[in-house]
Amino acid sequence: MIVAVLGKIASGKSEIMTILQNKGFYCIYGDKITRALYENGKSGQKKIKKYFGEKFLTQSGDVDREKLRNVVFNSPAKLKLLNTIIHPLVYVELKSMIRKVKKNTDIVLEVPFLDGSELHNVVNKIIWIERSSKLIERTLISERGFSKILAKKVVKLIKRPKEVDFVIKNDGDFSALNFLVSQALDL
């Protein structure tokens, strides 16, 4: 089985990944793939440089994720551009990693977005993790250095895809989330 985990930033995708890893799933993280693509000389870095400019690169040539996030989360058009150029690269890497996993191994993917992508044909189940806007904003401000204004904007920008198999509310503790995930996937 291949499960995709989606949700707004700071909604609890990593917690679900941990739960499923503890149940024997092989984990593939879209965010880690994106970070690797943003390294100097990699395809994502080259596209960011081309479409957004060198001012979004660090001195070492990697993409300055904080600077990029501050711009794209303040501009729906720039966020759409970023998603259009980066998500296809992430999907290619995800599919490559899936092919390398031993057959009959359950896999869980933490992915940035799924609507309309060819990856949609690869996954068996899609979980959308839902968390209250207040909890997300609090996490973004206290743990990730977002301003209050930017945190509010980010929460509004990310929307649930049209097709999901399960919506899991993450407003409780880890054991409650574990129970909900296990129940949703019949584990």
C-alpha atoms as a PDB file:
ATOM      1  CA  MET A   1       0.000   0.000   0.000  1.00  0.00           C
ATOM      2  CA  ILE A   2       1.188   3.523  -0.788  1.00  0.00           C
ATOM      3  CA  VAL A   3      -0.293   6.278   1.366  1.00  0.00           C
ATOM      4  CA  ALA A   4       0.091   9.997   0.716  1.00  0.00           C
ATOM      5  CA  VAL A   5      -0.087  12.362   3.686  1.00  0.00           C
ATOM      6  CA  LEU A   6      -1.075  15.936   2.909  1.00  0.00           C
ATOM      7  CA  GLY A   7      -1.999  18.906   5.050  1.00  0.00           C
ATOM      8  CA  LYS A   8      -1.330  22.522   5.749  1.00  0.00           C
ATOM      9  CA  ILE A   9       2.054  23.538   7.055  1.00  0.00           C
ATOM     10  CA  ALA A  10       2.435  22.613  10.762  1.00  0.00           C
ATOM     11  CA  SER A  11      -0.675  20.420  10.690  1.00  0.00           C
ATOM     12  CA  GLY A  12       1.008  17.217  11.882  1.00  0.00           C
ATOM     13  CA  LYS A  13       2.179  15.456   8.724  1.00  0.00           C
ATOM     14  CA  SER A  14       5.471  14.515  10.399  1.00  0.00           C
ATOM     15  CA  GLU A  15       3.611  12.993  13.334  1.00  0.00           C
ATOM     16  CA  ILE A  16       1.602  10.785  10.982  1.00  0.00           C
ATOM     17  CA  MET A  17       4.827   9.799   9.232  1.00  0.00           C
ATOM     18  CA  THR A  18       6.270   8.740  12.603  1.00  0.00           C
ATOM     19  CA  ILE A  19       3.136   6.750  13.425  1.00  0.00           C
ATOM     20  CA  LEU A  20       3.249   4.897  10.118  1.00  0.00           C
ATOM     21  CA  GLN A  21       7.000   4.343  10.328  1.00  0.00           C
ATOM     22  CA  ASN A  22       6.417   2.699  13.706  1.00  0.00           C
ATOM     23  CA  LYS A  23       3.902   0.422  11.965  1.00  0.00           C
ATOM     24  CA  GLY A  24       6.490  -0.691   9.419  1.00  0.00           C
ATOM     25  CA  PHE A  25       5.905   1.776   6.579  1.00  0.00           C
ATOM     26  CA  TYR A  26       8.856   3.051   4.559  1.00  0.00           C
ATOM     27  CA  CYS A  27       8.810   6.872   4.755  1.00  0.00           C
ATOM     28  CA  ILE A  28       9.572   9.265   1.913  1.00  0.00           C
ATOM     29  CA  TYR A  29       9.531  12.969   2.794  1.00  0.00           C
ATOM     30  CA  GLY A  30       8.687  15.502   0.098  1.00  0.00           C
ATOM     31  CA  ASP A  31      10.182  18.325   2.165  1.00  0.00           C
ATOM     32  CA  LYS A  32      13.560  16.565   2.356  1.00  0.00           C
ATOM     33  CA  ILE A  33      13.465  16.070  -1.399  1.00  0.00           C
ATOM     34  CA  THR A  34      12.711  19.760  -1.878  1.00  0.00           C
ATOM     35  CA  ARG A  35      15.622  20.733   0.375  1.00  0.00           C
ATOM     36  CA  ALA A  36      17.948  18.543  -1.689  1.00  0.00           C
ATOM     37  CA  LEU A  37      16.614  20.079  -4.929  1.00  0.00           C
ATOM     38  CA  TYR A  38      17.364  23.545  -3.498  1.00  0.00           C
ATOM     39  CA  GLU A  39      21.068  22.790  -3.035  1.00  0.00           C
ATOM     40  CA  ASN A  40      23.585  24.626  -5.201  1.00  0.00           C
ATOM     41  CA  GLY A  41      23.673  23.209  -8.729  1.00  0.00           C
ATOM     42  CA  LYS A  42      20.571  21.018  -8.332  1.00  0.00           C
ATOM     43  CA  SER A  43      17.594  21.351 -10.675  1.00  0.00           C
ATOM     44  CA  GLY A  44      15.379  23.150  -8.152  1.00  0.00           C
ATOM     45  CA  GLN A  45      18.066  25.692  -7.330  1.00  0.00           C
ATOM     46  CA  LYS A  46      18.582  26.396 -11.028  1.00  0.00           C
ATOM     47  CA  LYS A  47      14.851  26.965 -11.550  1.00  0.00           C
ATOM     48  CA  ILE A  48      14.572  29.265  -8.530  1.00  0.00           C
ATOM     49  CA  LYS A  49      17.556  31.246  -9.805  1.00  0.00           C
ATOM     50  CA  LYS A  50      16.003  31.456 -13.291  1.00  0.00           C
ATOM     51  CA  TYR A  51      12.474  32.429 -12.269  1.00  0.00           C
ATOM     52  CA  PHE A  52      13.038  34.332  -9.015  1.00  0.00           C
ATOM     53  CA  GLY A  53      16.609  35.601  -9.352  1.00  0.00           C
ATOM     54  CA  GLU A  54      19.959  35.262  -7.608  1.00  0.00           C
ATOM     55  CA  LYS A  55      18.741  37.323  -4.674  1.00  0.00           C
ATOM     56  CA  PHE A  56      17.004  34.140  -3.460  1.00  0.00           C
ATOM     57  CA  LEU A  57      20.280  32.261  -3.110  1.00  0.00           C
ATOM     58  CA  THR A  58      22.581  32.108  -0.104  1.00  0.00           C
ATOM     59  CA  GLN A  59      26.290  32.871  -0.357  1.00  0.00           C
ATOM     60  CA  SER A  60      26.946  29.152  -0.829  1.00  0.00           C
ATOM     61  CA  GLY A  61      24.489  29.093  -3.757  1.00  0.00           C
ATOM     62  CA  ASP A  62      21.677  27.147  -2.069  1.00  0.00           C
ATOM     63  CA  VAL A  63      18.132  28.508  -2.192  1.00  0.00           C
ATOM     64  CA  ASP A  64      17.429  30.815   0.744  1.00  0.00           C
ATOM     65  CA  ARG A  65      14.239  29.082   1.870  1.00  0.00           C
ATOM     66  CA  GLU A  66      13.283  31.745   4.409  1.00  0.00           C
ATOM     67  CA  LYS A  67      13.617  34.586   1.914  1.00  0.00           C
ATOM     68  CA  LEU A  68      11.687  32.608  -0.704  1.00  0.00           C
ATOM     69  CA  ARG A  69       8.917  31.671   1.737  1.00  0.00           C
ATOM     70  CA  ASN A  70       8.489  35.304   2.831  1.00  0.00           C
ATOM     71  CA  VAL A  71       7.909  36.337  -0.791  1.00  0.00           C
ATOM     72  CA  VAL A  72       5.749  33.459  -2.041  1.00  0.00           C
ATOM     73  CA  PHE A  73       3.500  33.347   1.015  1.00  0.00           C
ATOM     74  CA  ASN A  74       2.756  37.023   0.465  1.00  0.00           C
ATOM     75  CA  SER A  75       1.882  36.587  -3.204  1.00  0.00           C
ATOM     76  CA  PRO A  76      -0.543  33.926  -4.458  1.00  0.00           C
ATOM     77  CA  ALA A  77       0.823  34.390  -8.006  1.00  0.00           C
ATOM     78  CA  LYS A  78       4.412  33.766  -6.874  1.00  0.00           C
ATOM     79  CA  LEU A  79       3.325  30.788  -4.776  1.00  0.00           C
ATOM     80  CA  LYS A  80       1.593  29.331  -7.822  1.00  0.00           C
ATOM     81  CA  LEU A  81       4.742  29.885  -9.889  1.00  0.00           C
ATOM     82  CA  LEU A  82       6.886  28.189  -7.245  1.00  0.00           C
ATOM     83  CA  ASN A  83       4.528  25.218  -7.056  1.00  0.00           C
ATOM     84  CA  THR A  84       4.436  24.944 -10.847  1.00  0.00           C
ATOM     85  CA  ILE A  85       8.216  24.754 -11.159  1.00  0.00           C
ATOM     86  CA  ILE A  86       9.125  22.747  -8.035  1.00  0.00           C
ATOM     87  CA  HIS A  87       6.333  20.196  -7.542  1.00  0.00           C
ATOM     88  CA  PRO A  88       7.002  18.330 -10.823  1.00  0.00           C
ATOM     89  CA  LEU A  89      10.651  17.944  -9.789  1.00  0.00           C
ATOM     90  CA  VAL A  90       9.602  16.611  -6.390  1.00  0.00           C
ATOM     91  CA  TYR A  91       7.193  14.125  -8.010  1.00  0.00           C
ATOM     92  CA  VAL A  92       9.937  12.771 -10.290  1.00  0.00           C
ATOM     93  CA  GLU A  93      12.139  12.159  -7.234  1.00  0.00           C
ATOM     94  CA  LEU A  94       9.267  10.630  -5.253  1.00  0.00           C
ATOM     95  CA  LYS A  95       8.473   8.177  -8.048  1.00  0.00           C
ATOM     96  CA  SER A  96      12.144   7.300  -8.405  1.00  0.00           C
ATOM     97  CA  MET A  97      12.385   6.597  -4.677  1.00  0.00           C
ATOM     98  CA  ILE A  98       9.208   4.485  -4.749  1.00  0.00           C
ATOM     99  CA  ARG A  99      10.689   2.310  -7.512  1.00  0.00           C
ATOM    100  CA  LYS A 100      13.740   1.638  -5.338  1.00  0.00           C
ATOM    101  CA  VAL A 101      11.706   0.338  -2.380  1.00  0.00           C
ATOM    102  CA  LYS A 102      11.438  -3.430  -2.042  1.00  0.00           C
ATOM    103  CA  LYS A 103       8.210  -4.881  -3.480  1.00  0.00           C
ATOM    104  CA  ASN A 104       5.352  -5.509  -1.034  1.00  0.00           C
ATOM    105  CA  THR A 105       6.660  -2.815   1.314  1.00  0.00           C
ATOM    106  CA  ASP A 106       4.092  -0.344   2.598  1.00  0.00           C
ATOM    107  CA  ILE A 107       5.142   3.212   1.780  1.00  0.00           C
ATOM    108  CA  VAL A 108       4.020   6.562   3.147  1.00  0.00           C
ATOM    109  CA  LEU A 109       4.730   9.798   1.283  1.00  0.00           C
ATOM    110  CA  GLU A 110       4.687  13.242   2.818  1.00  0.00           C
ATOM    111  CA  VAL A 111       3.881  15.326  -0.227  1.00  0.00           C
ATOM    112  CA  PRO A 112       3.402  19.047  -0.811  1.00  0.00           C
ATOM    113  CA  PHE A 113       0.373  18.806  -3.077  1.00  0.00           C
ATOM    114  CA  LEU A 114      -1.427  16.154  -5.092  1.00  0.00           C
ATOM    115  CA  ASP A 115      -4.323  17.544  -7.146  1.00  0.00           C
ATOM    116  CA  GLY A 116      -3.863  16.906 -10.832  1.00  0.00           C
ATOM    117  CA  SER A 117      -0.423  15.368 -10.515  1.00  0.00           C
ATOM    118  CA  GLU A 118       0.574  12.133 -12.129  1.00  0.00           C
ATOM    119  CA  LEU A 119       1.595  10.924  -8.668  1.00  0.00           C
ATOM    120  CA  HIS A 120      -2.116  10.679  -7.905  1.00  0.00           C
ATOM    121  CA  ASN A 121      -2.148   7.476  -9.967  1.00  0.00           C
ATOM    122  CA  VAL A 122       0.616   5.944  -7.814  1.00  0.00           C
ATOM    123  CA  VAL A 123      -0.951   6.230  -4.343  1.00  0.00           C
ATOM    124  CA  ASN A 124      -3.633   3.963  -2.914  1.00  0.00           C
ATOM    125  CA  LYS A 125      -4.868   6.182  -0.084  1.00  0.00           C
ATOM    126  CA  ILE A 126      -4.704   9.908   0.574  1.00  0.00           C
ATOM    127  CA  ILE A 127      -4.857  11.279   4.100  1.00  0.00           C
ATOM    128  CA  TRP A 128      -5.521  14.964   4.690  1.00  0.00           C
ATOM    129  CA  ILE A 129      -4.485  16.097   8.156  1.00  0.00           C
ATOM    130  CA  GLU A 130      -6.651  18.879   9.533  1.00  0.00           C
ATOM    131  CA  ARG A 131      -5.601  21.124  12.414  1.00  0.00           C
ATOM    132  CA  SER A 132      -7.140  24.281  13.799  1.00  0.00           C
ATOM    133  CA  SER A 133      -5.854  27.520  12.336  1.00  0.00           C
ATOM    134  CA  LYS A 134      -5.013  28.831  15.817  1.00  0.00           C
ATOM    135  CA  LEU A 135      -2.772  25.838  16.584  1.00  0.00           C
ATOM    136  CA  ILE A 136      -1.038  26.102  13.217  1.00  0.00           C
ATOM    137  CA  GLU A 137      -0.456  29.835  13.640  1.00  0.00           C
ATOM    138  CA  ARG A 138       0.899  29.333  17.158  1.00  0.00           C
ATOM    139  CA  THR A 139       3.346  26.679  15.893  1.00  0.00           C
ATOM    140  CA  LEU A 140       4.483  28.806  12.945  1.00  0.00           C
ATOM    141  CA  ILE A 141       5.134  31.810  15.175  1.00  0.00           C
ATOM    142  CA  SER A 142       6.724  30.081  18.167  1.00  0.00           C
ATOM    143  CA  GLU A 143       8.670  27.277  16.455  1.00  0.00           C
ATOM    144  CA  ARG A 144       9.344  28.452  12.912  1.00  0.00           C
ATOM    145  CA  GLY A 145       9.866  32.196  13.253  1.00  0.00           C
ATOM    146  CA  PHE A 146       6.894  33.370  11.200  1.00  0.00           C
ATOM    147  CA  SER A 147       5.382  36.775  11.876  1.00  0.00           C
ATOM    148  CA  LYS A 148       1.763  36.751  13.016  1.00  0.00           C
ATOM    149  CA  ILE A 149       0.649  38.304   9.707  1.00  0.00           C
ATOM    150  CA  LEU A 150       2.548  35.768   7.607  1.00  0.00           C
ATOM    151  CA  ALA A 151       1.296  32.843   9.711  1.00  0.00           C
ATOM    152  CA  LYS A 152      -2.318  33.928   9.116  1.00  0.00           C
ATOM    153  CA  LYS A 153      -1.708  34.252   5.363  1.00  0.00           C
ATOM    154  CA  VAL A 154      -0.080  30.821   5.103  1.00  0.00           C
ATOM    155  CA  VAL A 155      -2.994  29.119   6.855  1.00  0.00           C
ATOM    156  CA  LYS A 156      -5.419  30.608   4.326  1.00  0.00           C
ATOM    157  CA  LEU A 157      -3.299  29.800   1.256  1.00  0.00           C
ATOM    158  CA  ILE A 158      -3.202  26.010   1.501  1.00  0.00           C
ATOM    159  CA  LYS A 159      -6.473  24.299   0.629  1.00  0.00           C
ATOM    160  CA  ARG A 160      -7.581  20.705   0.948  1.00  0.00           C
ATOM    161  CA  PRO A 161      -7.452  18.810  -2.354  1.00  0.00           C
ATOM    162  CA  LYS A 162     -10.712  17.693  -3.934  1.00  0.00           C
ATOM    163  CA  GLU A 163      -9.988  13.988  -3.656  1.00  0.00           C
ATOM    164  CA  VAL A 164      -8.907  12.579  -0.309  1.00  0.00           C
ATOM    165  CA  ASP A 165      -9.769   9.233   1.259  1.00  0.00           C
ATOM    166  CA  PHE A 166      -9.541  10.298   4.895  1.00  0.00           C
ATOM    167  CA  VAL A 167      -9.628  13.568   6.807  1.00  0.00           C
ATOM    168  CA  ILE A 168      -7.970  13.228  10.187  1.00  0.00           C
ATOM    169  CA  LYS A 169      -8.383  15.939  12.814  1.00  0.00           C
ATOM    170  CA  ASN A 170      -5.192  16.669  14.728  1.00  0.00           C
ATOM    171  CA  ASP A 171      -6.346  18.723  17.679  1.00  0.00           C
ATOM    172  CA  GLY A 172      -5.589  16.108  20.339  1.00  0.00           C
ATOM    173  CA  ASP A 173      -2.486  14.343  21.555  1.00  0.00           C
ATOM    174  CA  PHE A 174      -0.180  11.856  19.823  1.00  0.00           C
ATOM    175  CA  SER A 175      -2.024   8.756  21.086  1.00  0.00           C
ATOM    176  CA  ALA A 176      -5.337  10.100  19.762  1.00  0.00           C
ATOM    177  CA  LEU A 177      -3.713  10.785  16.399  1.00  0.00           C
ATOM    178  CA  ASN A 178      -2.214   7.281  16.403  1.00  0.00           C
ATOM    179  CA  PHE A 179      -5.666   5.803  16.998  1.00  0.00           C
ATOM    180  CA  LEU A 180      -7.246   7.864  14.184  1.00  0.00           C
ATOM    181  CA  VAL A 181      -4.538   6.918  11.674  1.00  0.00           C
ATOM    182  CA  SER A 182      -4.754   3.231  12.585  1.00  0.00           C
ATOM    183  CA  GLN A 183      -8.532   3.321  12.300  1.00  0.00           C
ATOM    184  CA  ALA A 184      -8.483   5.125   8.928  1.00  0.00           C
ATOM    185  CA  LEU A 185      -6.033   2.686   7.350  1.00  0.00           C
ATOM    186  CA  ASP A 186      -7.383  -0.419   9.088  1.00  0.00           C
ATOM    187  CA  LEU A 187      -4.031  -1.143  10.782  1.00  0.00           C
END
